Amino acid sequence: MRSYLIEDFYPEHLDRVLVALKDKGYAGPLDGIFYLPVPQELLTEAQRAHADCGPHMFVLEAVDEHTLKLELLVRAQKKLRCECVMYATPAQREHIIDFLDAFIRQLDIAV
């Protein structure tokens, strides 16, 4: 699995990030799992054609009290296996990493 890993958070900083993610409505059904949506304009042709599989999103996981792991796989919320589930394109990857870094910086936490 390709992923973007942010390590060495202070536990109190990671707690602030997790609370902010929950407040923004990104929390998934499992504790420590968050779904970050892929903007419509960045979906691939296959992902747009499979709108019924979506919404399409990235999964962010709080691995432990010091680490966040962002999977660089675009998932479909309604299907586990489909041709629309694929590794992020360069534009999707750049968007989600920039989004996550900016989200954390807005909380006054160094990335």
PDB file of N, CA and C in Angstrom:
ATOM      1  N   MET A   1       0.841  -1.179   0.000  1.00  0.00           N
ATOM      2  CA  MET A   1       0.000   0.000   0.000  1.00  0.00           C
ATOM      3  C   MET A   1       0.882   1.237   0.000  1.00  0.00           C
ATOM      4  N   ARG A   2       0.594   2.153  -0.859  1.00  0.00           N
ATOM      5  CA  ARG A   2       1.287   3.436  -0.860  1.00  0.00           C
ATOM      6  C   ARG A   2       0.604   4.329   0.158  1.00  0.00           C
ATOM      7  N   SER A   3       1.419   5.060   0.914  1.00  0.00           N
ATOM      8  CA  SER A   3       0.830   5.923   1.927  1.00  0.00           C
ATOM      9  C   SER A   3       1.745   7.104   2.229  1.00  0.00           C
ATOM     10  N   TYR A   4       1.148   8.113   2.845  1.00  0.00           N
ATOM     11  CA  TYR A   4       1.845   9.305   3.302  1.00  0.00           C
ATOM     12  C   TYR A   4       1.785   9.250   4.817  1.00  0.00           C
ATOM     13  N   LEU A   5       2.925   9.179   5.460  1.00  0.00           N
ATOM     14  CA  LEU A   5       3.004   8.982   6.890  1.00  0.00           C
ATOM     15  C   LEU A   5       3.522  10.249   7.554  1.00  0.00           C
ATOM     16  N   ILE A   6       2.818  10.695   8.593  1.00  0.00           N
ATOM     17  CA  ILE A   6       3.284  11.824   9.400  1.00  0.00           C
ATOM     18  C   ILE A   6       3.509  11.275  10.794  1.00  0.00           C
ATOM     19  N   GLU A   7       4.763  11.315  11.227  1.00  0.00           N
ATOM     20  CA  GLU A   7       5.144  10.713  12.501  1.00  0.00           C
ATOM     21  C   GLU A   7       5.595  11.789  13.499  1.00  0.00           C
ATOM     22  N   ASP A   8       5.793  11.329  14.716  1.00  0.00           N
ATOM     23  CA  ASP A   8       6.372  12.138  15.787  1.00  0.00           C
ATOM     24  C   ASP A   8       5.494  13.303  16.237  1.00  0.00           C
ATOM     25  N   PHE A   9       4.173  13.142  16.148  1.00  0.00           N
ATOM     26  CA  PHE A   9       3.279  14.119  16.765  1.00  0.00           C
ATOM     27  C   PHE A   9       3.443  14.039  18.278  1.00  0.00           C
ATOM     28  N   TYR A  10       3.296  15.142  18.938  1.00  0.00           N
ATOM     29  CA  TYR A  10       3.070  15.106  20.377  1.00  0.00           C
ATOM     30  C   TYR A  10       1.644  14.604  20.549  1.00  0.00           C
ATOM     31  N   PRO A  11       1.381  13.760  21.526  1.00  0.00           N
ATOM     32  CA  PRO A  11       0.023  13.218  21.687  1.00  0.00           C
ATOM     33  C   PRO A  11      -1.058  14.297  21.751  1.00  0.00           C
ATOM     34  N   GLU A  12      -0.775  15.408  22.432  1.00  0.00           N
ATOM     35  CA  GLU A  12      -1.776  16.480  22.524  1.00  0.00           C
ATOM     36  C   GLU A  12      -2.023  17.158  21.179  1.00  0.00           C
ATOM     37  N   HIS A  13      -1.015  17.212  20.320  1.00  0.00           N
ATOM     38  CA  HIS A  13      -1.187  17.778  18.979  1.00  0.00           C
ATOM     39  C   HIS A  13      -2.037  16.854  18.121  1.00  0.00           C
ATOM     40  N   LEU A  14      -1.744  15.561  18.201  1.00  0.00           N
ATOM     41  CA  LEU A  14      -2.539  14.611  17.412  1.00  0.00           C
ATOM     42  C   LEU A  14      -3.990  14.621  17.886  1.00  0.00           C
ATOM     43  N   ASP A  15      -4.200  14.741  19.179  1.00  0.00           N
ATOM     44  CA  ASP A  15      -5.574  14.833  19.694  1.00  0.00           C
ATOM     45  C   ASP A  15      -6.299  16.030  19.091  1.00  0.00           C
ATOM     46  N   ARG A  16      -5.612  17.172  18.983  1.00  0.00           N
ATOM     47  CA  ARG A  16      -6.228  18.367  18.379  1.00  0.00           C
ATOM     48  C   ARG A  16      -6.593  18.115  16.919  1.00  0.00           C
ATOM     49  N   VAL A  17      -5.714  17.427  16.202  1.00  0.00           N
ATOM     50  CA  VAL A  17      -5.995  17.107  14.800  1.00  0.00           C
ATOM     51  C   VAL A  17      -7.228  16.206  14.706  1.00  0.00           C
ATOM     52  N   LEU A  18      -7.290  15.179  15.536  1.00  0.00           N
ATOM     53  CA  LEU A  18      -8.401  14.230  15.473  1.00  0.00           C
ATOM     54  C   LEU A  18      -9.728  14.896  15.832  1.00  0.00           C
ATOM     55  N   VAL A  19      -9.725  15.764  16.815  1.00  0.00           N
ATOM     56  CA  VAL A  19     -10.949  16.493  17.181  1.00  0.00           C
ATOM     57  C   VAL A  19     -11.387  17.390  16.026  1.00  0.00           C
ATOM     58  N   ALA A  20     -10.443  18.079  15.401  1.00  0.00           N
ATOM     59  CA  ALA A  20     -10.771  18.955  14.271  1.00  0.00           C
ATOM     60  C   ALA A  20     -11.321  18.154  13.090  1.00  0.00           C
ATOM     61  N   LEU A  21     -10.747  16.986  12.823  1.00  0.00           N
ATOM     62  CA  LEU A  21     -11.257  16.138  11.747  1.00  0.00           C
ATOM     63  C   LEU A  21     -12.693  15.695  12.039  1.00  0.00           C
ATOM     64  N   LYS A  22     -12.967  15.324  13.282  1.00  0.00           N
ATOM     65  CA  LYS A  22     -14.332  14.937  13.674  1.00  0.00           C
ATOM     66  C   LYS A  22     -15.283  16.112  13.527  1.00  0.00           C
ATOM     67  N   ASP A  23     -14.843  17.289  13.975  1.00  0.00           N
ATOM     68  CA  ASP A  23     -15.680  18.486  13.887  1.00  0.00           C
ATOM     69  C   ASP A  23     -16.029  18.846  12.447  1.00  0.00           C
ATOM     70  N   LYS A  24     -15.133  18.529  11.523  1.00  0.00           N
ATOM     71  CA  LYS A  24     -15.369  18.814  10.100  1.00  0.00           C
ATOM     72  C   LYS A  24     -16.228  17.741   9.426  1.00  0.00           C
ATOM     73  N   GLY A  25     -16.556  16.681  10.173  1.00  0.00           N
ATOM     74  CA  GLY A  25     -17.411  15.630   9.615  1.00  0.00           C
ATOM     75  C   GLY A  25     -16.683  14.553   8.850  1.00  0.00           C
ATOM     76  N   TYR A  26     -15.386  14.408   9.060  1.00  0.00           N
ATOM     77  CA  TYR A  26     -14.595  13.422   8.332  1.00  0.00           C
ATOM     78  C   TYR A  26     -14.507  12.069   9.035  1.00  0.00           C
ATOM     79  N   ALA A  27     -15.046  11.950  10.240  1.00  0.00           N
ATOM     80  CA  ALA A  27     -14.918  10.708  11.007  1.00  0.00           C
ATOM     81  C   ALA A  27     -15.613   9.555  10.299  1.00  0.00           C
ATOM     82  N   GLY A  28     -14.942   8.414  10.282  1.00  0.00           N
ATOM     83  CA  GLY A  28     -15.508   7.193   9.720  1.00  0.00           C
ATOM     84  C   GLY A  28     -16.212   6.401  10.804  1.00  0.00           C
ATOM     85  N   PRO A  29     -16.686   5.217  10.459  1.00  0.00           N
ATOM     86  CA  PRO A  29     -17.429   4.402  11.424  1.00  0.00           C
ATOM     87  C   PRO A  29     -16.549   3.772  12.511  1.00  0.00           C
ATOM     88  N   LEU A  30     -15.264   3.688  12.278  1.00  0.00           N
ATOM     89  CA  LEU A  30     -14.341   3.121  13.261  1.00  0.00           C
ATOM     90  C   LEU A  30     -13.527   4.238  13.905  1.00  0.00           C
ATOM     91  N   ASP A  31     -13.246   4.084  15.182  1.00  0.00           N
ATOM     92  CA  ASP A  31     -12.462   5.069  15.903  1.00  0.00           C
ATOM     93  C   ASP A  31     -11.071   5.202  15.272  1.00  0.00           C
ATOM     94  N   GLY A  32     -10.663   6.436  15.014  1.00  0.00           N
ATOM     95  CA  GLY A  32      -9.336   6.677  14.449  1.00  0.00           C
ATOM     96  C   GLY A  32      -9.265   6.589  12.939  1.00  0.00           C
ATOM     97  N   ILE A  33     -10.417   6.408  12.284  1.00  0.00           N
ATOM     98  CA  ILE A  33     -10.472   6.347  10.815  1.00  0.00           C
ATOM     99  C   ILE A  33     -11.259   7.558  10.312  1.00  0.00           C
ATOM    100  N   PHE A  34     -10.722   8.198   9.286  1.00  0.00           N
ATOM    101  CA  PHE A  34     -11.353   9.385   8.727  1.00  0.00           C
ATOM    102  C   PHE A  34     -11.406   9.256   7.205  1.00  0.00           C
ATOM    103  N   TYR A  35     -12.484   9.763   6.615  1.00  0.00           N
ATOM    104  CA  TYR A  35     -12.673   9.741   5.167  1.00  0.00           C
ATOM    105  C   TYR A  35     -12.538  11.161   4.634  1.00  0.00           C
ATOM    106  N   LEU A  36     -11.564  11.359   3.759  1.00  0.00           N
ATOM    107  CA  LEU A  36     -11.336  12.663   3.146  1.00  0.00           C
ATOM    108  C   LEU A  36     -11.789  12.591   1.695  1.00  0.00           C
ATOM    109  N   PRO A  37     -12.783  13.392   1.335  1.00  0.00           N
ATOM    110  CA  PRO A  37     -13.353  13.285  -0.014  1.00  0.00           C
ATOM    111  C   PRO A  37     -12.392  13.762  -1.104  1.00  0.00           C
ATOM    112  N   VAL A  38     -12.546  13.159  -2.269  1.00  0.00           N
ATOM    113  CA  VAL A  38     -11.810  13.588  -3.460  1.00  0.00           C
ATOM    114  C   VAL A  38     -12.692  14.611  -4.162  1.00  0.00           C
ATOM    115  N   PRO A  39     -12.181  15.809  -4.442  1.00  0.00           N
ATOM    116  CA  PRO A  39     -12.996  16.793  -5.149  1.00  0.00           C
ATOM    117  C   PRO A  39     -13.455  16.260  -6.514  1.00  0.00           C
ATOM    118  N   GLN A  40     -14.665  16.574  -6.861  1.00  0.00           N
ATOM    119  CA  GLN A  40     -15.275  16.094  -8.106  1.00  0.00           C
ATOM    120  C   GLN A  40     -14.393  16.363  -9.321  1.00  0.00           C
ATOM    121  N   GLU A  41     -13.777  17.531  -9.348  1.00  0.00           N
ATOM    122  CA  GLU A  41     -12.971  17.906 -10.526  1.00  0.00           C
ATOM    123  C   GLU A  41     -11.679  17.098 -10.639  1.00  0.00           C
ATOM    124  N   LEU A  42     -11.297  16.388  -9.576  1.00  0.00           N
ATOM    125  CA  LEU A  42     -10.078  15.585  -9.624  1.00  0.00           C
ATOM    126  C   LEU A  42     -10.350  14.099  -9.867  1.00  0.00           C
ATOM    127  N   LEU A  43     -11.620  13.715  -9.936  1.00  0.00           N
ATOM    128  CA  LEU A  43     -11.939  12.307 -10.202  1.00  0.00           C
ATOM    129  C   LEU A  43     -11.479  11.913 -11.595  1.00  0.00           C
ATOM    130  N   THR A  44     -11.039  10.677 -11.744  1.00  0.00           N
ATOM    131  CA  THR A  44     -10.671  10.169 -13.061  1.00  0.00           C
ATOM    132  C   THR A  44     -11.942   9.894 -13.864  1.00  0.00           C
ATOM    133  N   GLU A  45     -11.771   9.623 -15.122  1.00  0.00           N
ATOM    134  CA  GLU A  45     -12.912   9.292 -15.982  1.00  0.00           C
ATOM    135  C   GLU A  45     -13.674   8.080 -15.427  1.00  0.00           C
ATOM    136  N   ALA A  46     -12.944   7.063 -15.010  1.00  0.00           N
ATOM    137  CA  ALA A  46     -13.575   5.856 -14.455  1.00  0.00           C
ATOM    138  C   ALA A  46     -14.326   6.170 -13.160  1.00  0.00           C
ATOM    139  N   GLN A  47     -13.745   7.012 -12.323  1.00  0.00           N
ATOM    140  CA  GLN A  47     -14.404   7.369 -11.063  1.00  0.00           C
ATOM    141  C   GLN A  47     -15.665   8.190 -11.311  1.00  0.00           C
ATOM    142  N   ARG A  48     -15.622   9.085 -12.284  1.00  0.00           N
ATOM    143  CA  ARG A  48     -16.828   9.860 -12.633  1.00  0.00           C
ATOM    144  C   ARG A  48     -17.904   8.946 -13.193  1.00  0.00           C
ATOM    145  N   ALA A  49     -17.507   7.980 -14.002  1.00  0.00           N
ATOM    146  CA  ALA A  49     -18.465   7.040 -14.596  1.00  0.00           C
ATOM    147  C   ALA A  49     -19.076   6.120 -13.540  1.00  0.00           C
ATOM    148  N   HIS A  50     -18.405   5.969 -12.421  1.00  0.00           N
ATOM    149  CA  HIS A  50     -18.865   5.089 -11.349  1.00  0.00           C
ATOM    150  C   HIS A  50     -19.353   5.899 -10.147  1.00  0.00           C
ATOM    151  N   ALA A  51     -20.075   6.956 -10.403  1.00  0.00           N
ATOM    152  CA  ALA A  51     -20.592   7.804  -9.320  1.00  0.00           C
ATOM    153  C   ALA A  51     -21.444   6.993  -8.351  1.00  0.00           C
ATOM    154  N   ASP A  52     -22.104   5.952  -8.848  1.00  0.00           N
ATOM    155  CA  ASP A  52     -22.944   5.113  -7.972  1.00  0.00           C
ATOM    156  C   ASP A  52     -22.113   4.310  -6.975  1.00  0.00           C
ATOM    157  N   CYS A  53     -20.821   4.145  -7.212  1.00  0.00           N
ATOM    158  CA  CYS A  53     -19.931   3.455  -6.262  1.00  0.00           C
ATOM    159  C   CYS A  53     -19.505   4.390  -5.135  1.00  0.00           C
ATOM    160  N   GLY A  54     -19.526   5.676  -5.415  1.00  0.00           N
ATOM    161  CA  GLY A  54     -18.977   6.675  -4.516  1.00  0.00           C
ATOM    162  C   GLY A  54     -19.876   7.023  -3.354  1.00  0.00           C
ATOM    163  N   PRO A  55     -19.484   8.051  -2.645  1.00  0.00           N
ATOM    164  CA  PRO A  55     -18.426   9.000  -2.992  1.00  0.00           C
ATOM    165  C   PRO A  55     -17.033   8.369  -2.883  1.00  0.00           C
ATOM    166  N   HIS A  56     -16.114   8.970  -3.628  1.00  0.00           N
ATOM    167  CA  HIS A  56     -14.733   8.497  -3.632  1.00  0.00           C
ATOM    168  C   HIS A  56     -13.951   9.290  -2.593  1.00  0.00           C
ATOM    169  N   MET A  57     -13.072   8.584  -1.868  1.00  0.00           N
ATOM    170  CA  MET A  57     -12.370   9.239  -0.776  1.00  0.00           C
ATOM    171  C   MET A  57     -11.036   8.578  -0.489  1.00  0.00           C
ATOM    172  N   PHE A  58     -10.257   9.308   0.302  1.00  0.00           N
ATOM    173  CA  PHE A  58      -9.009   8.800   0.861  1.00  0.00           C
ATOM    174  C   PHE A  58      -9.285   8.413   2.304  1.00  0.00           C
ATOM    175  N   VAL A  59      -8.550   7.439   2.797  1.00  0.00           N
ATOM    176  CA  VAL A  59      -8.683   7.024   4.192  1.00  0.00           C
ATOM    177  C   VAL A  59      -7.455   7.504   4.961  1.00  0.00           C
ATOM    178  N   LEU A  60      -7.736   8.175   6.071  1.00  0.00           N
ATOM    179  CA  LEU A  60      -6.698   8.657   6.984  1.00  0.00           C
ATOM    180  C   LEU A  60      -6.866   7.895   8.292  1.00  0.00           C
ATOM    181  N   GLU A  61      -5.767   7.365   8.797  1.00  0.00           N
ATOM    182  CA  GLU A  61      -5.833   6.557  10.012  1.00  0.00           C
ATOM    183  C   GLU A  61      -4.882   7.095  11.079  1.00  0.00           C
ATOM    184  N   ALA A  62      -5.399   7.211  12.303  1.00  0.00           N
ATOM    185  CA  ALA A  62      -4.553   7.501  13.456  1.00  0.00           C
ATOM    186  C   ALA A  62      -3.985   6.159  13.901  1.00  0.00           C
ATOM    187  N   VAL A  63      -2.749   5.892  13.530  1.00  0.00           N
ATOM    188  CA  VAL A  63      -2.122   4.588  13.765  1.00  0.00           C
ATOM    189  C   VAL A  63      -1.853   4.373  15.249  1.00  0.00           C
ATOM    190  N   ASP A  64      -1.343   5.395  15.901  1.00  0.00           N
ATOM    191  CA  ASP A  64      -1.090   5.377  17.333  1.00  0.00           C
ATOM    192  C   ASP A  64      -1.143   6.820  17.807  1.00  0.00           C
ATOM    193  N   GLU A  65      -0.683   7.098  19.014  1.00  0.00           N
ATOM    194  CA  GLU A  65      -0.808   8.459  19.539  1.00  0.00           C
ATOM    195  C   GLU A  65       0.212   9.441  18.950  1.00  0.00           C
ATOM    196  N   HIS A  66       1.067   8.966  18.047  1.00  0.00           N
ATOM    197  CA  HIS A  66       2.101   9.813  17.448  1.00  0.00           C
ATOM    198  C   HIS A  66       2.068   9.857  15.924  1.00  0.00           C
ATOM    199  N   THR A  67       1.182   9.069  15.274  1.00  0.00           N
ATOM    200  CA  THR A  67       1.311   8.852  13.837  1.00  0.00           C
ATOM    201  C   THR A  67      -0.028   8.907  13.112  1.00  0.00           C
ATOM    202  N   LEU A  68      -0.023   9.602  11.971  1.00  0.00           N
ATOM    203  CA  LEU A  68      -1.136   9.581  11.024  1.00  0.00           C
ATOM    204  C   LEU A  68      -0.667   8.923   9.741  1.00  0.00           C
ATOM    205  N   LYS A  69      -1.519   8.086   9.166  1.00  0.00           N
ATOM    206  CA  LYS A  69      -1.203   7.437   7.892  1.00  0.00           C
ATOM    207  C   LYS A  69      -2.328   7.725   6.915  1.00  0.00           C
ATOM    208  N   LEU A  70      -1.966   8.340   5.800  1.00  0.00           N
ATOM    209  CA  LEU A  70      -2.904   8.645   4.729  1.00  0.00           C
ATOM    210  C   LEU A  70      -2.670   7.649   3.601  1.00  0.00           C
ATOM    211  N   GLU A  71      -3.660   6.824   3.322  1.00  0.00           N
ATOM    212  CA  GLU A  71      -3.535   5.889   2.196  1.00  0.00           C
ATOM    213  C   GLU A  71      -3.661   6.675   0.898  1.00  0.00           C
ATOM    214  N   LEU A  72      -2.801   6.378  -0.050  1.00  0.00           N
ATOM    215  CA  LEU A  72      -2.846   7.050  -1.345  1.00  0.00           C
ATOM    216  C   LEU A  72      -3.623   6.214  -2.357  1.00  0.00           C
ATOM    217  N   LEU A  73      -4.666   5.584  -1.851  1.00  0.00           N
ATOM    218  CA  LEU A  73      -5.588   4.798  -2.657  1.00  0.00           C
ATOM    219  C   LEU A  73      -6.931   5.504  -2.611  1.00  0.00           C
ATOM    220  N   VAL A  74      -7.507   5.766  -3.764  1.00  0.00           N
ATOM    221  CA  VAL A  74      -8.843   6.359  -3.804  1.00  0.00           C
ATOM    222  C   VAL A  74      -9.838   5.215  -3.703  1.00  0.00           C
ATOM    223  N   ARG A  75     -10.624   5.255  -2.645  1.00  0.00           N
ATOM    224  CA  ARG A  75     -11.615   4.210  -2.384  1.00  0.00           C
ATOM    225  C   ARG A  75     -13.001   4.702  -2.760  1.00  0.00           C
ATOM    226  N   ALA A  76     -13.893   3.735  -2.988  1.00  0.00           N
ATOM    227  CA  ALA A  76     -15.304   4.024  -3.229  1.00  0.00           C
ATOM    228  C   ALA A  76     -16.073   3.584  -1.994  1.00  0.00           C
ATOM    229  N   GLN A  77     -16.931   4.441  -1.483  1.00  0.00           N
ATOM    230  CA  GLN A  77     -17.603   4.132  -0.231  1.00  0.00           C
ATOM    231  C   GLN A  77     -18.526   2.929  -0.322  1.00  0.00           C
ATOM    232  N   LYS A  78     -19.117   2.690  -1.501  1.00  0.00           N
ATOM    233  CA  LYS A  78     -20.111   1.629  -1.615  1.00  0.00           C
ATOM    234  C   LYS A  78     -19.579   0.309  -2.165  1.00  0.00           C
ATOM    235  N   LYS A  79     -18.331   0.289  -2.632  1.00  0.00           N
ATOM    236  CA  LYS A  79     -17.756  -0.945  -3.172  1.00  0.00           C
ATOM    237  C   LYS A  79     -16.303  -1.069  -2.751  1.00  0.00           C
ATOM    238  N   LEU A  80     -15.919  -2.284  -2.385  1.00  0.00           N
ATOM    239  CA  LEU A  80     -14.525  -2.522  -2.025  1.00  0.00           C
ATOM    240  C   LEU A  80     -13.656  -2.771  -3.247  1.00  0.00           C
ATOM    241  N   ARG A  81     -14.220  -3.495  -4.202  1.00  0.00           N
ATOM    242  CA  ARG A  81     -13.464  -3.826  -5.411  1.00  0.00           C
ATOM    243  C   ARG A  81     -14.233  -3.364  -6.635  1.00  0.00           C
ATOM    244  N   CYS A  82     -13.574  -2.517  -7.393  1.00  0.00           N
ATOM    245  CA  CYS A  82     -14.153  -1.999  -8.624  1.00  0.00           C
ATOM    246  C   CYS A  82     -13.026  -1.327  -9.391  1.00  0.00           C
ATOM    247  N   GLU A  83     -13.206  -1.143 -10.667  1.00  0.00           N
ATOM    248  CA  GLU A  83     -12.160  -0.481 -11.454  1.00  0.00           C
ATOM    249  C   GLU A  83     -11.988   0.984 -11.069  1.00  0.00           C
ATOM    250  N   CYS A  84     -12.982   1.561 -10.348  1.00  0.00           N
ATOM    251  CA  CYS A  84     -12.860   2.960  -9.935  1.00  0.00           C
ATOM    252  C   CYS A  84     -12.044   3.112  -8.649  1.00  0.00           C
ATOM    253  N   VAL A  85     -11.734   2.018  -7.990  1.00  0.00           N
ATOM    254  CA  VAL A  85     -10.853   2.038  -6.819  1.00  0.00           C
ATOM    255  C   VAL A  85      -9.431   1.871  -7.352  1.00  0.00           C
ATOM    256  N   MET A  86      -8.632   2.916  -7.165  1.00  0.00           N
ATOM    257  CA  MET A  86      -7.291   2.920  -7.765  1.00  0.00           C
ATOM    258  C   MET A  86      -6.359   3.838  -6.985  1.00  0.00           C
ATOM    259  N   TYR A  87      -5.068   3.639  -7.195  1.00  0.00           N
ATOM    260  CA  TYR A  87      -4.111   4.550  -6.586  1.00  0.00           C
ATOM    261  C   TYR A  87      -4.333   5.955  -7.125  1.00  0.00           C
ATOM    262  N   ALA A  88      -4.052   6.923  -6.290  1.00  0.00           N
ATOM    263  CA  ALA A  88      -4.261   8.322  -6.638  1.00  0.00           C
ATOM    264  C   ALA A  88      -3.434   8.719  -7.850  1.00  0.00           C
ATOM    265  N   THR A  89      -4.038   9.553  -8.669  1.00  0.00           N
ATOM    266  CA  THR A  89      -3.295  10.162  -9.768  1.00  0.00           C
ATOM    267  C   THR A  89      -2.340  11.192  -9.161  1.00  0.00           C
ATOM    268  N   PRO A  90      -1.361  11.661  -9.931  1.00  0.00           N
ATOM    269  CA  PRO A  90      -0.477  12.699  -9.374  1.00  0.00           C
ATOM    270  C   PRO A  90      -1.246  13.924  -8.861  1.00  0.00           C
ATOM    271  N   ALA A  91      -2.282  14.358  -9.577  1.00  0.00           N
ATOM    272  CA  ALA A  91      -3.064  15.524  -9.140  1.00  0.00           C
ATOM    273  C   ALA A  91      -3.836  15.224  -7.861  1.00  0.00           C
ATOM    274  N   GLN A  92      -4.410  14.041  -7.751  1.00  0.00           N
ATOM    275  CA  GLN A  92      -5.126  13.656  -6.532  1.00  0.00           C
ATOM    276  C   GLN A  92      -4.165  13.570  -5.350  1.00  0.00           C
ATOM    277  N   ARG A  93      -3.027  12.974  -5.593  1.00  0.00           N
ATOM    278  CA  ARG A  93      -2.019  12.814  -4.539  1.00  0.00           C
ATOM    279  C   ARG A  93      -1.541  14.189  -4.049  1.00  0.00           C
ATOM    280  N   GLU A  94      -1.224  15.070  -4.975  1.00  0.00           N
ATOM    281  CA  GLU A  94      -0.771  16.412  -4.601  1.00  0.00           C
ATOM    282  C   GLU A  94      -1.856  17.142  -3.809  1.00  0.00           C
ATOM    283  N   HIS A  95      -3.098  17.037  -4.271  1.00  0.00           N
ATOM    284  CA  HIS A  95      -4.209  17.707  -3.584  1.00  0.00           C
ATOM    285  C   HIS A  95      -4.355  17.225  -2.148  1.00  0.00           C
ATOM    286  N   ILE A  96      -4.393  15.920  -1.934  1.00  0.00           N
ATOM    287  CA  ILE A  96      -4.699  15.396  -0.603  1.00  0.00           C
ATOM    288  C   ILE A  96      -3.543  15.614   0.370  1.00  0.00           C
ATOM    289  N   ILE A  97      -2.315  15.526  -0.096  1.00  0.00           N
ATOM    290  CA  ILE A  97      -1.174  15.802   0.780  1.00  0.00           C
ATOM    291  C   ILE A  97      -1.146  17.276   1.158  1.00  0.00           C
ATOM    292  N   ASP A  98      -1.365  18.154   0.173  1.00  0.00           N
ATOM    293  CA  ASP A  98      -1.415  19.594   0.459  1.00  0.00           C
ATOM    294  C   ASP A  98      -2.569  19.912   1.409  1.00  0.00           C
ATOM    295  N   PHE A  99      -3.723  19.273   1.191  1.00  0.00           N
ATOM    296  CA  PHE A  99      -4.888  19.483   2.049  1.00  0.00           C
ATOM    297  C   PHE A  99      -4.562  19.097   3.491  1.00  0.00           C
ATOM    298  N   LEU A 100      -3.993  17.926   3.684  1.00  0.00           N
ATOM    299  CA  LEU A 100      -3.689  17.445   5.028  1.00  0.00           C
ATOM    300  C   LEU A 100      -2.638  18.317   5.704  1.00  0.00           C
ATOM    301  N   ASP A 101      -1.592  18.672   4.991  1.00  0.00           N
ATOM    302  CA  ASP A 101      -0.559  19.539   5.560  1.00  0.00           C
ATOM    303  C   ASP A 101      -1.147  20.891   5.974  1.00  0.00           C
ATOM    304  N   ALA A 102      -1.970  21.487   5.121  1.00  0.00           N
ATOM    305  CA  ALA A 102      -2.586  22.783   5.433  1.00  0.00           C
ATOM    306  C   ALA A 102      -3.554  22.655   6.607  1.00  0.00           C
ATOM    307  N   PHE A 103      -4.307  21.564   6.655  1.00  0.00           N
ATOM    308  CA  PHE A 103      -5.253  21.330   7.746  1.00  0.00           C
ATOM    309  C   PHE A 103      -4.522  21.324   9.085  1.00  0.00           C
ATOM    310  N   ILE A 104      -3.388  20.645   9.129  1.00  0.00           N
ATOM    311  CA  ILE A 104      -2.600  20.546  10.356  1.00  0.00           C
ATOM    312  C   ILE A 104      -1.962  21.895  10.692  1.00  0.00           C
ATOM    313  N   ARG A 105      -1.436  22.585   9.673  1.00  0.00           N
ATOM    314  CA  ARG A 105      -0.824  23.903   9.910  1.00  0.00           C
ATOM    315  C   ARG A 105      -1.835  24.908  10.458  1.00  0.00           C
ATOM    316  N   GLN A 106      -3.094  24.820   9.987  1.00  0.00           N
ATOM    317  CA  GLN A 106      -4.137  25.732  10.477  1.00  0.00           C
ATOM    318  C   GLN A 106      -4.407  25.545  11.970  1.00  0.00           C
ATOM    319  N   LEU A 107      -4.030  24.411  12.508  1.00  0.00           N
ATOM    320  CA  LEU A 107      -4.173  24.149  13.935  1.00  0.00           C
ATOM    321  C   LEU A 107      -2.923  24.583  14.711  1.00  0.00           C
ATOM    322  N   ASP A 108      -2.014  25.277  14.033  1.00  0.00           N
ATOM    323  CA  ASP A 108      -0.756  25.752  14.623  1.00  0.00           C
ATOM    324  C   ASP A 108       0.152  24.613  15.059  1.00  0.00           C
ATOM    325  N   ILE A 109       0.168  23.553  14.242  1.00  0.00           N
ATOM    326  CA  ILE A 109       1.029  22.412  14.495  1.00  0.00           C
ATOM    327  C   ILE A 109       2.002  22.318  13.320  1.00  0.00           C
ATOM    328  N   ALA A 110       3.278  22.266  13.600  1.00  0.00           N
ATOM    329  CA  ALA A 110       4.276  22.178  12.529  1.00  0.00           C
ATOM    330  C   ALA A 110       4.171  20.847  11.807  1.00  0.00           C
ATOM    331  N   VAL A 111       4.242  20.922  10.487  1.00  0.00           N
ATOM    332  CA  VAL A 111       4.187  19.702   9.655  1.00  0.00           C
ATOM    333  C   VAL A 111       5.584  19.432   9.139  1.00  0.00           C
TER     334      VAL A 111
END
